[in-house]
Amino acid sequence: MMVNMHEAKSTLSKLVELVQNGEEVVIAKAGNPVALLKPYNKSVKRRTPGILKGKSFDMSRFNEADEEIRRLFEGE
């Protein structure tokens, strides 16, 4: 559903109710879509600190030059 800015201001409660029922609402200004009102996703996966603790990495080549990366940086 698309509504203009003025209508969105005056009917925000109604639009939020529509969104709670699963509908997405596009808010437009002068006929151009500018915002999307959609349900909040609570299932954001949290990062776990220390997830790589105890893992080993081969850092022996860390400071070696990579020819392809050098060419990309230098624009060749």
PDB file of N, CA and C in Angstrom:
ATOM      1  N   MET A   1       0.844  -1.165   0.000  1.00  0.00           N
ATOM      2  CA  MET A   1       0.000   0.000   0.000  1.00  0.00           C
ATOM      3  C   MET A   1       0.902   1.245   0.000  1.00  0.00           C
ATOM      4  N   MET A   2       0.541   2.241  -0.778  1.00  0.00           N
ATOM      5  CA  MET A   2       1.300   3.486  -0.827  1.00  0.00           C
ATOM      6  C   MET A   2       0.408   4.632  -0.355  1.00  0.00           C
ATOM      7  N   VAL A   3       0.962   5.468   0.538  1.00  0.00           N
ATOM      8  CA  VAL A   3       0.240   6.652   1.017  1.00  0.00           C
ATOM      9  C   VAL A   3       1.156   7.857   0.896  1.00  0.00           C
ATOM     10  N   ASN A   4       0.540   9.031   0.764  1.00  0.00           N
ATOM     11  CA  ASN A   4       1.368  10.235   0.699  1.00  0.00           C
ATOM     12  C   ASN A   4       1.725  10.689   2.111  1.00  0.00           C
ATOM     13  N   MET A   5       2.667  11.602   2.197  1.00  0.00           N
ATOM     14  CA  MET A   5       3.195  12.052   3.482  1.00  0.00           C
ATOM     15  C   MET A   5       2.095  12.624   4.379  1.00  0.00           C
ATOM     16  N   HIS A   6       1.231  13.457   3.820  1.00  0.00           N
ATOM     17  CA  HIS A   6       0.162  14.070   4.618  1.00  0.00           C
ATOM     18  C   HIS A   6      -0.760  13.006   5.202  1.00  0.00           C
ATOM     19  N   GLU A   7      -1.146  12.043   4.382  1.00  0.00           N
ATOM     20  CA  GLU A   7      -2.021  10.974   4.864  1.00  0.00           C
ATOM     21  C   GLU A   7      -1.323  10.129   5.922  1.00  0.00           C
ATOM     22  N   ALA A   8      -0.027   9.882   5.738  1.00  0.00           N
ATOM     23  CA  ALA A   8       0.731   9.090   6.713  1.00  0.00           C
ATOM     24  C   ALA A   8       0.771   9.798   8.069  1.00  0.00           C
ATOM     25  N   LYS A   9       0.923  11.126   8.045  1.00  0.00           N
ATOM     26  CA  LYS A   9       0.948  11.883   9.298  1.00  0.00           C
ATOM     27  C   LYS A   9      -0.383  11.786  10.028  1.00  0.00           C
ATOM     28  N   SER A  10      -1.459  11.898   9.290  1.00  0.00           N
ATOM     29  CA  SER A  10      -2.775  11.938   9.931  1.00  0.00           C
ATOM     30  C   SER A  10      -3.337  10.560  10.257  1.00  0.00           C
ATOM     31  N   THR A  11      -2.801   9.511   9.682  1.00  0.00           N
ATOM     32  CA  THR A  11      -3.335   8.157   9.937  1.00  0.00           C
ATOM     33  C   THR A  11      -2.255   7.189  10.409  1.00  0.00           C
ATOM     34  N   LEU A  12      -1.245   7.702  11.121  1.00  0.00           N
ATOM     35  CA  LEU A  12      -0.124   6.847  11.534  1.00  0.00           C
ATOM     36  C   LEU A  12      -0.581   5.641  12.344  1.00  0.00           C
ATOM     37  N   SER A  13      -1.483   5.843  13.295  1.00  0.00           N
ATOM     38  CA  SER A  13      -1.954   4.719  14.126  1.00  0.00           C
ATOM     39  C   SER A  13      -2.571   3.620  13.266  1.00  0.00           C
ATOM     40  N   LYS A  14      -3.371   4.021  12.296  1.00  0.00           N
ATOM     41  CA  LYS A  14      -4.018   3.056  11.406  1.00  0.00           C
ATOM     42  C   LYS A  14      -2.966   2.324  10.563  1.00  0.00           C
ATOM     43  N   LEU A  15      -1.964   3.061  10.085  1.00  0.00           N
ATOM     44  CA  LEU A  15      -0.906   2.444   9.276  1.00  0.00           C
ATOM     45  C   LEU A  15      -0.089   1.461  10.104  1.00  0.00           C
ATOM     46  N   VAL A  16       0.194   1.820  11.345  1.00  0.00           N
ATOM     47  CA  VAL A  16       0.938   0.908  12.225  1.00  0.00           C
ATOM     48  C   VAL A  16       0.134  -0.362  12.462  1.00  0.00           C
ATOM     49  N   GLU A  17      -1.155  -0.239  12.594  1.00  0.00           N
ATOM     50  CA  GLU A  17      -2.007  -1.416  12.765  1.00  0.00           C
ATOM     51  C   GLU A  17      -1.939  -2.323  11.528  1.00  0.00           C
ATOM     52  N   LEU A  18      -1.944  -1.719  10.347  1.00  0.00           N
ATOM     53  CA  LEU A  18      -1.807  -2.500   9.115  1.00  0.00           C
ATOM     54  C   LEU A  18      -0.471  -3.238   9.088  1.00  0.00           C
ATOM     55  N   VAL A  19       0.565  -2.545   9.506  1.00  0.00           N
ATOM     56  CA  VAL A  19       1.897  -3.151   9.522  1.00  0.00           C
ATOM     57  C   VAL A  19       1.944  -4.308  10.520  1.00  0.00           C
ATOM     58  N   GLN A  20       1.307  -4.138  11.659  1.00  0.00           N
ATOM     59  CA  GLN A  20       1.257  -5.221  12.652  1.00  0.00           C
ATOM     60  C   GLN A  20       0.554  -6.454  12.097  1.00  0.00           C
ATOM     61  N   ASN A  21      -0.331  -6.250  11.143  1.00  0.00           N
ATOM     62  CA  ASN A  21      -1.034  -7.369  10.518  1.00  0.00           C
ATOM     63  C   ASN A  21      -0.284  -7.920   9.305  1.00  0.00           C
ATOM     64  N   GLY A  22       0.962  -7.467   9.106  1.00  0.00           N
ATOM     65  CA  GLY A  22       1.809  -8.050   8.075  1.00  0.00           C
ATOM     66  C   GLY A  22       1.921  -7.274   6.784  1.00  0.00           C
ATOM     67  N   GLU A  23       1.256  -6.145   6.673  1.00  0.00           N
ATOM     68  CA  GLU A  23       1.313  -5.369   5.435  1.00  0.00           C
ATOM     69  C   GLU A  23       2.465  -4.374   5.488  1.00  0.00           C
ATOM     70  N   GLU A  24       3.088  -4.126   4.348  1.00  0.00           N
ATOM     71  CA  GLU A  24       4.118  -3.102   4.253  1.00  0.00           C
ATOM     72  C   GLU A  24       3.494  -1.853   3.637  1.00  0.00           C
ATOM     73  N   VAL A  25       3.877  -0.694   4.158  1.00  0.00           N
ATOM     74  CA  VAL A  25       3.318   0.570   3.700  1.00  0.00           C
ATOM     75  C   VAL A  25       4.450   1.435   3.155  1.00  0.00           C
ATOM     76  N   VAL A  26       4.287   1.913   1.935  1.00  0.00           N
ATOM     77  CA  VAL A  26       5.258   2.814   1.314  1.00  0.00           C
ATOM     78  C   VAL A  26       4.743   4.238   1.498  1.00  0.00           C
ATOM     79  N   ILE A  27       5.616   5.101   2.027  1.00  0.00           N
ATOM     80  CA  ILE A  27       5.256   6.502   2.216  1.00  0.00           C
ATOM     81  C   ILE A  27       5.919   7.295   1.100  1.00  0.00           C
ATOM     82  N   ALA A  28       5.103   8.100   0.410  1.00  0.00           N
ATOM     83  CA  ALA A  28       5.591   8.848  -0.750  1.00  0.00           C
ATOM     84  C   ALA A  28       5.512  10.348  -0.495  1.00  0.00           C
ATOM     85  N   LYS A  29       6.420  11.066  -1.142  1.00  0.00           N
ATOM     86  CA  LYS A  29       6.405  12.526  -1.096  1.00  0.00           C
ATOM     87  C   LYS A  29       6.356  13.002  -2.538  1.00  0.00           C
ATOM     88  N   ALA A  30       5.331  13.733  -2.874  1.00  0.00           N
ATOM     89  CA  ALA A  30       5.111  14.206  -4.250  1.00  0.00           C
ATOM     90  C   ALA A  30       5.054  13.040  -5.230  1.00  0.00           C
ATOM     91  N   GLY A  31       4.483  11.919  -4.779  1.00  0.00           N
ATOM     92  CA  GLY A  31       4.330  10.757  -5.643  1.00  0.00           C
ATOM     93  C   GLY A  31       5.551   9.862  -5.745  1.00  0.00           C
ATOM     94  N   ASN A  32       6.658  10.249  -5.111  1.00  0.00           N
ATOM     95  CA  ASN A  32       7.884   9.441  -5.151  1.00  0.00           C
ATOM     96  C   ASN A  32       8.066   8.702  -3.834  1.00  0.00           C
ATOM     97  N   PRO A  33       8.224   7.373  -3.867  1.00  0.00           N
ATOM     98  CA  PRO A  33       8.432   6.608  -2.638  1.00  0.00           C
ATOM     99  C   PRO A  33       9.699   7.067  -1.923  1.00  0.00           C
ATOM    100  N   VAL A  34       9.580   7.314  -0.606  1.00  0.00           N
ATOM    101  CA  VAL A  34      10.732   7.760   0.174  1.00  0.00           C
ATOM    102  C   VAL A  34      10.986   6.926   1.419  1.00  0.00           C
ATOM    103  N   ALA A  35       9.995   6.166   1.867  1.00  0.00           N
ATOM    104  CA  ALA A  35      10.167   5.392   3.093  1.00  0.00           C
ATOM    105  C   ALA A  35       9.323   4.129   3.037  1.00  0.00           C
ATOM    106  N   LEU A  36       9.774   3.139   3.770  1.00  0.00           N
ATOM    107  CA  LEU A  36       9.051   1.875   3.848  1.00  0.00           C
ATOM    108  C   LEU A  36       8.751   1.586   5.307  1.00  0.00           C
ATOM    109  N   LEU A  37       7.485   1.419   5.633  1.00  0.00           N
ATOM    110  CA  LEU A  37       7.048   1.079   6.972  1.00  0.00           C
ATOM    111  C   LEU A  37       6.743  -0.405   6.957  1.00  0.00           C
ATOM    112  N   LYS A  38       7.515  -1.166   7.723  1.00  0.00           N
ATOM    113  CA  LYS A  38       7.328  -2.616   7.723  1.00  0.00           C
ATOM    114  C   LYS A  38       7.487  -3.147   9.132  1.00  0.00           C
ATOM    115  N   PRO A  39       7.061  -4.387   9.391  1.00  0.00           N
ATOM    116  CA  PRO A  39       7.147  -4.934  10.745  1.00  0.00           C
ATOM    117  C   PRO A  39       8.587  -4.998  11.241  1.00  0.00           C
ATOM    118  N   TYR A  40       8.762  -4.737  12.527  1.00  0.00           N
ATOM    119  CA  TYR A  40      10.059  -4.818  13.171  1.00  0.00           C
ATOM    120  C   TYR A  40      10.438  -6.280  13.322  1.00  0.00           C
ATOM    121  N   ASN A  41      11.655  -6.614  12.935  1.00  0.00           N
ATOM    122  CA  ASN A  41      12.124  -7.994  13.034  1.00  0.00           C
ATOM    123  C   ASN A  41      12.880  -8.168  14.344  1.00  0.00           C
ATOM    124  N   LYS A  42      12.288  -8.879  15.267  1.00  0.00           N
ATOM    125  CA  LYS A  42      12.901  -9.079  16.576  1.00  0.00           C
ATOM    126  C   LYS A  42      14.001 -10.138  16.557  1.00  0.00           C
ATOM    127  N   SER A  43      14.052 -10.943  15.528  1.00  0.00           N
ATOM    128  CA  SER A  43      14.981 -12.066  15.517  1.00  0.00           C
ATOM    129  C   SER A  43      16.356 -11.696  14.967  1.00  0.00           C
ATOM    130  N   VAL A  44      16.888 -10.560  15.422  1.00  0.00           N
ATOM    131  CA  VAL A  44      18.226 -10.165  15.025  1.00  0.00           C
ATOM    132  C   VAL A  44      19.214 -11.033  15.797  1.00  0.00           C
ATOM    133  N   LYS A  45      20.074 -11.702  15.074  1.00  0.00           N
ATOM    134  CA  LYS A  45      21.031 -12.590  15.716  1.00  0.00           C
ATOM    135  C   LYS A  45      22.147 -11.759  16.339  1.00  0.00           C
ATOM    136  N   ARG A  46      22.332 -11.916  17.607  1.00  0.00           N
ATOM    137  CA  ARG A  46      23.359 -11.184  18.334  1.00  0.00           C
ATOM    138  C   ARG A  46      24.726 -11.816  18.105  1.00  0.00           C
ATOM    139  N   ARG A  47      25.729 -10.957  18.042  1.00  0.00           N
ATOM    140  CA  ARG A  47      27.097 -11.450  17.899  1.00  0.00           C
ATOM    141  C   ARG A  47      27.561 -11.998  19.233  1.00  0.00           C
ATOM    142  N   THR A  48      28.325 -13.079  19.190  1.00  0.00           N
ATOM    143  CA  THR A  48      28.847 -13.689  20.390  1.00  0.00           C
ATOM    144  C   THR A  48      30.317 -13.316  20.541  1.00  0.00           C
ATOM    145  N   PRO A  49      30.656 -12.509  21.546  1.00  0.00           N
ATOM    146  CA  PRO A  49      32.057 -12.157  21.736  1.00  0.00           C
ATOM    147  C   PRO A  49      32.901 -13.396  22.035  1.00  0.00           C
ATOM    148  N   GLY A  50      34.094 -13.425  21.479  1.00  0.00           N
ATOM    149  CA  GLY A  50      35.019 -14.519  21.758  1.00  0.00           C
ATOM    150  C   GLY A  50      34.735 -15.786  20.992  1.00  0.00           C
ATOM    151  N   ILE A  51      33.964 -15.715  19.921  1.00  0.00           N
ATOM    152  CA  ILE A  51      33.590 -16.922  19.187  1.00  0.00           C
ATOM    153  C   ILE A  51      34.809 -17.609  18.558  1.00  0.00           C
ATOM    154  N   LEU A  52      35.857 -16.829  18.264  1.00  0.00           N
ATOM    155  CA  LEU A  52      37.070 -17.401  17.662  1.00  0.00           C
ATOM    156  C   LEU A  52      38.155 -17.697  18.686  1.00  0.00           C
ATOM    157  N   LYS A  53      37.853 -17.538  19.964  1.00  0.00           N
ATOM    158  CA  LYS A  53      38.834 -17.797  21.014  1.00  0.00           C
ATOM    159  C   LYS A  53      39.304 -19.245  20.947  1.00  0.00           C
ATOM    160  N   GLY A  54      40.610 -19.418  20.968  1.00  0.00           N
ATOM    161  CA  GLY A  54      41.189 -20.753  20.931  1.00  0.00           C
ATOM    162  C   GLY A  54      41.445 -21.267  19.530  1.00  0.00           C
ATOM    163  N   LYS A  55      40.992 -20.560  18.513  1.00  0.00           N
ATOM    164  CA  LYS A  55      41.234 -20.961  17.123  1.00  0.00           C
ATOM    165  C   LYS A  55      42.628 -20.476  16.734  1.00  0.00           C
ATOM    166  N   SER A  56      43.296 -21.221  15.883  1.00  0.00           N
ATOM    167  CA  SER A  56      44.628 -20.802  15.443  1.00  0.00           C
ATOM    168  C   SER A  56      44.576 -20.379  13.972  1.00  0.00           C
ATOM    169  N   PHE A  57      45.387 -19.412  13.646  1.00  0.00           N
ATOM    170  CA  PHE A  57      45.463 -18.891  12.289  1.00  0.00           C
ATOM    171  C   PHE A  57      46.912 -18.888  11.846  1.00  0.00           C
ATOM    172  N   ASP A  58      47.130 -19.199  10.581  1.00  0.00           N
ATOM    173  CA  ASP A  58      48.481 -19.172  10.023  1.00  0.00           C
ATOM    174  C   ASP A  58      48.805 -17.736   9.627  1.00  0.00           C
ATOM    175  N   MET A  59      49.590 -17.078  10.436  1.00  0.00           N
ATOM    176  CA  MET A  59      49.948 -15.688  10.181  1.00  0.00           C
ATOM    177  C   MET A  59      51.347 -15.558   9.584  1.00  0.00           C
ATOM    178  N   SER A  60      51.940 -16.671   9.168  1.00  0.00           N
ATOM    179  CA  SER A  60      53.313 -16.634   8.664  1.00  0.00           C
ATOM    180  C   SER A  60      53.429 -15.811   7.377  1.00  0.00           C
ATOM    181  N   ARG A  61      52.371 -15.721   6.591  1.00  0.00           N
ATOM    182  CA  ARG A  61      52.424 -14.979   5.331  1.00  0.00           C
ATOM    183  C   ARG A  61      51.720 -13.626   5.422  1.00  0.00           C
ATOM    184  N   PHE A  62      51.413 -13.164   6.609  1.00  0.00           N
ATOM    185  CA  PHE A  62      50.629 -11.950   6.798  1.00  0.00           C
ATOM    186  C   PHE A  62      51.261 -10.737   6.123  1.00  0.00           C
ATOM    187  N   ASN A  63      52.565 -10.572   6.239  1.00  0.00           N
ATOM    188  CA  ASN A  63      53.231  -9.394   5.700  1.00  0.00           C
ATOM    189  C   ASN A  63      53.752  -9.568   4.278  1.00  0.00           C
ATOM    190  N   GLU A  64      53.504 -10.728   3.661  1.00  0.00           N
ATOM    191  CA  GLU A  64      53.954 -10.937   2.289  1.00  0.00           C
ATOM    192  C   GLU A  64      53.090 -10.118   1.327  1.00  0.00           C
ATOM    193  N   ALA A  65      53.713  -9.602   0.300  1.00  0.00           N
ATOM    194  CA  ALA A  65      52.998  -8.822  -0.706  1.00  0.00           C
ATOM    195  C   ALA A  65      52.225  -9.751  -1.629  1.00  0.00           C
ATOM    196  N   ASP A  66      51.000  -9.391  -1.923  1.00  0.00           N
ATOM    197  CA  ASP A  66      50.179 -10.132  -2.863  1.00  0.00           C
ATOM    198  C   ASP A  66      50.158  -9.324  -4.162  1.00  0.00           C
ATOM    199  N   GLU A  67      50.685  -9.899  -5.224  1.00  0.00           N
ATOM    200  CA  GLU A  67      50.846  -9.187  -6.483  1.00  0.00           C
ATOM    201  C   GLU A  67      49.502  -8.695  -7.049  1.00  0.00           C
ATOM    202  N   GLU A  68      48.466  -9.498  -6.963  1.00  0.00           N
ATOM    203  CA  GLU A  68      47.160  -9.101  -7.492  1.00  0.00           C
ATOM    204  C   GLU A  68      46.599  -7.895  -6.729  1.00  0.00           C
ATOM    205  N   ILE A  69      46.706  -7.913  -5.414  1.00  0.00           N
ATOM    206  CA  ILE A  69      46.216  -6.799  -4.609  1.00  0.00           C
ATOM    207  C   ILE A  69      47.022  -5.542  -4.904  1.00  0.00           C
ATOM    208  N   ARG A  70      48.330  -5.679  -5.068  1.00  0.00           N
ATOM    209  CA  ARG A  70      49.170  -4.528  -5.394  1.00  0.00           C
ATOM    210  C   ARG A  70      48.716  -3.899  -6.705  1.00  0.00           C
ATOM    211  N   ARG A  71      48.444  -4.745  -7.718  1.00  0.00           N
ATOM    212  CA  ARG A  71      47.996  -4.229  -9.020  1.00  0.00           C
ATOM    213  C   ARG A  71      46.658  -3.510  -8.896  1.00  0.00           C
ATOM    214  N   LEU A  72      45.749  -4.039  -8.098  1.00  0.00           N
ATOM    215  CA  LEU A  72      44.449  -3.414  -7.909  1.00  0.00           C
ATOM    216  C   LEU A  72      44.583  -2.041  -7.247  1.00  0.00           C
ATOM    217  N   PHE A  73      45.435  -1.944  -6.243  1.00  0.00           N
ATOM    218  CA  PHE A  73      45.632  -0.674  -5.560  1.00  0.00           C
ATOM    219  C   PHE A  73      46.312   0.354  -6.463  1.00  0.00           C
ATOM    220  N   GLU A  74      47.203  -0.105  -7.289  1.00  0.00           N
ATOM    221  CA  GLU A  74      47.958   0.812  -8.124  1.00  0.00           C
ATOM    222  C   GLU A  74      47.269   1.075  -9.456  1.00  0.00           C
ATOM    223  N   GLY A  75      46.134   0.440  -9.702  1.00  0.00           N
ATOM    224  CA  GLY A  75      45.359   0.704 -10.911  1.00  0.00           C
ATOM    225  C   GLY A  75      45.946   0.132 -12.184  1.00  0.00           C
ATOM    226  N   GLU A  76      46.645  -0.938 -12.072  1.00  0.00           N
ATOM    227  CA  GLU A  76      47.242  -1.561 -13.267  1.00  0.00           C
ATOM    228  C   GLU A  76      46.272  -2.530 -13.914  1.00  0.00           C
TER     229      GLU A  76
END
